[in-house]
Amino acid sequence: MGTILVLTGRDDLTADAVEDELSSRGASVVRYDTADFPLAVAIHARDEAAKLGW
């Protein structure tokens, strides 16, 4: 399983529960507060599906 990106706000209790559940199932989780973009955070992405022939 790859890393799961959780897009949310800083005080989102529902996202807290989702992140906890995913982590308990062994998932790698990255939480991203959309309020931080673009002043404190930059985003870089890579499409790995192309390597698989999708």
N, C-alpha and C. Protein backbone atom coordinates (compact mmCIF):
# COMPACT_ATOMS: atom_id res chain seq x y z
N MET A 1 0.86 -1.18 0.00
CA MET A 1 0.00 0.00 0.00
C MET A 1 0.90 1.23 0.00
N GLY A 2 0.54 2.23 -0.77
CA GLY A 2 1.30 3.48 -0.81
C GLY A 2 0.91 4.39 0.34
N THR A 3 1.40 5.57 0.30
CA THR A 3 1.08 6.57 1.31
C THR A 3 -0.26 7.21 1.00
N ILE A 4 -1.05 7.42 2.03
CA ILE A 4 -2.37 8.03 1.89
C ILE A 4 -2.29 9.48 2.34
N LEU A 5 -2.74 10.38 1.50
CA LEU A 5 -2.75 11.80 1.80
C LEU A 5 -4.12 12.20 2.33
N VAL A 6 -4.14 12.81 3.50
CA VAL A 6 -5.38 13.30 4.10
C VAL A 6 -5.36 14.82 4.02
N LEU A 7 -6.22 15.37 3.18
CA LEU A 7 -6.36 16.83 3.04
C LEU A 7 -7.41 17.31 4.01
N THR A 8 -7.05 18.23 4.90
CA THR A 8 -7.96 18.61 5.97
C THR A 8 -7.60 19.95 6.57
N GLY A 9 -8.35 20.34 7.55
CA GLY A 9 -8.05 21.53 8.33
C GLY A 9 -7.36 21.13 9.62
N ARG A 10 -6.79 22.10 10.28
CA ARG A 10 -5.98 21.85 11.48
C ARG A 10 -6.78 21.18 12.61
N ASP A 11 -8.00 21.60 12.84
CA ASP A 11 -8.79 21.11 13.97
C ASP A 11 -9.93 20.19 13.54
N ASP A 12 -9.70 19.36 12.54
CA ASP A 12 -10.74 18.46 12.00
C ASP A 12 -10.74 17.15 12.77
N LEU A 13 -11.70 17.00 13.67
CA LEU A 13 -11.76 15.80 14.52
C LEU A 13 -12.08 14.54 13.71
N THR A 14 -12.86 14.69 12.65
CA THR A 14 -13.16 13.54 11.79
C THR A 14 -11.89 13.05 11.12
N ALA A 15 -11.07 13.96 10.63
CA ALA A 15 -9.81 13.57 10.00
C ALA A 15 -8.89 12.91 11.02
N ASP A 16 -8.93 13.34 12.28
CA ASP A 16 -8.14 12.69 13.33
C ASP A 16 -8.52 11.22 13.43
N ALA A 17 -9.82 10.96 13.43
CA ALA A 17 -10.30 9.58 13.55
C ALA A 17 -9.92 8.75 12.33
N VAL A 18 -10.03 9.34 11.15
CA VAL A 18 -9.65 8.63 9.92
C VAL A 18 -8.16 8.32 9.94
N GLU A 19 -7.34 9.29 10.30
CA GLU A 19 -5.90 9.08 10.36
C GLU A 19 -5.53 7.98 11.37
N ASP A 20 -6.18 8.00 12.54
CA ASP A 20 -5.92 6.97 13.55
C ASP A 20 -6.29 5.58 13.03
N GLU A 21 -7.43 5.47 12.36
CA GLU A 21 -7.87 4.18 11.83
C GLU A 21 -6.93 3.67 10.74
N LEU A 22 -6.56 4.54 9.83
CA LEU A 22 -5.64 4.14 8.76
C LEU A 22 -4.30 3.69 9.35
N SER A 23 -3.80 4.43 10.32
CA SER A 23 -2.53 4.06 10.96
C SER A 23 -2.63 2.73 11.68
N SER A 24 -3.76 2.48 12.33
CA SER A 24 -3.94 1.21 13.04
C SER A 24 -3.98 0.01 12.09
N ARG A 25 -4.31 0.29 10.81
CA ARG A 25 -4.33 -0.76 9.80
C ARG A 25 -3.00 -0.87 9.05
N GLY A 26 -2.01 -0.10 9.53
CA GLY A 26 -0.68 -0.20 8.96
C GLY A 26 -0.41 0.71 7.78
N ALA A 27 -1.31 1.65 7.51
CA ALA A 27 -1.13 2.55 6.38
C ALA A 27 -0.17 3.68 6.75
N SER A 28 0.56 4.14 5.78
CA SER A 28 1.40 5.31 5.93
C SER A 28 0.53 6.52 5.58
N VAL A 29 0.40 7.46 6.52
CA VAL A 29 -0.52 8.58 6.36
C VAL A 29 0.25 9.90 6.44
N VAL A 30 -0.04 10.80 5.52
CA VAL A 30 0.48 12.16 5.56
C VAL A 30 -0.72 13.07 5.67
N ARG A 31 -0.71 13.91 6.68
CA ARG A 31 -1.81 14.86 6.89
C ARG A 31 -1.38 16.23 6.38
N TYR A 32 -2.24 16.86 5.62
CA TYR A 32 -1.93 18.14 5.00
C TYR A 32 -3.01 19.16 5.33
N ASP A 33 -2.62 20.22 6.01
CA ASP A 33 -3.55 21.29 6.34
C ASP A 33 -3.57 22.28 5.18
N THR A 34 -4.70 22.38 4.52
CA THR A 34 -4.80 23.21 3.33
C THR A 34 -4.58 24.70 3.62
N ALA A 35 -4.71 25.12 4.87
CA ALA A 35 -4.48 26.52 5.23
C ALA A 35 -2.99 26.88 5.10
N ASP A 36 -2.11 25.89 5.10
CA ASP A 36 -0.68 26.13 5.00
C ASP A 36 -0.20 26.38 3.58
N PHE A 37 -1.06 26.12 2.60
CA PHE A 37 -0.66 26.27 1.19
C PHE A 37 -1.03 27.66 0.70
N PRO A 38 -0.21 28.36 0.03
CA PRO A 38 1.15 28.05 -0.40
C PRO A 38 2.23 28.70 0.46
N LEU A 39 1.85 29.32 1.59
CA LEU A 39 2.82 30.08 2.37
C LEU A 39 3.83 29.21 3.12
N ALA A 40 3.39 28.12 3.72
CA ALA A 40 4.28 27.31 4.55
C ALA A 40 4.63 25.96 3.94
N VAL A 41 3.91 25.56 2.90
CA VAL A 41 4.09 24.22 2.34
C VAL A 41 4.06 24.29 0.82
N ALA A 42 4.87 23.46 0.18
CA ALA A 42 4.82 23.29 -1.27
C ALA A 42 4.45 21.84 -1.55
N ILE A 43 3.82 21.59 -2.68
CA ILE A 43 3.41 20.23 -3.04
C ILE A 43 4.15 19.80 -4.31
N HIS A 44 4.68 18.59 -4.27
CA HIS A 44 5.29 17.97 -5.44
C HIS A 44 4.66 16.59 -5.57
N ALA A 45 4.27 16.21 -6.77
CA ALA A 45 3.62 14.91 -6.98
C ALA A 45 4.27 14.16 -8.12
N ARG A 46 4.13 12.83 -8.08
CA ARG A 46 4.67 11.96 -9.12
C ARG A 46 3.62 10.91 -9.42
N ASP A 47 3.37 10.65 -10.70
CA ASP A 47 2.37 9.66 -11.13
C ASP A 47 3.06 8.32 -11.33
N GLU A 48 2.92 7.43 -10.36
CA GLU A 48 3.52 6.10 -10.43
C GLU A 48 2.70 5.16 -11.28
N ALA A 49 1.42 5.47 -11.52
CA ALA A 49 0.55 4.59 -12.30
C ALA A 49 1.06 4.45 -13.73
N ALA A 50 1.70 5.48 -14.26
CA ALA A 50 2.21 5.43 -15.62
C ALA A 50 3.25 4.32 -15.77
N LYS A 51 4.01 4.06 -14.72
CA LYS A 51 5.01 2.99 -14.75
C LYS A 51 4.35 1.61 -14.81
N LEU A 52 3.13 1.52 -14.31
CA LEU A 52 2.42 0.25 -14.27
C LEU A 52 1.64 0.00 -15.55
N GLY A 53 1.60 0.97 -16.45
CA GLY A 53 0.90 0.79 -17.71
C GLY A 53 -0.59 1.08 -17.63
N TRP A 54 -1.01 1.88 -16.66
CA TRP A 54 -2.44 2.20 -16.53
C TRP A 54 -2.82 3.23 -17.53
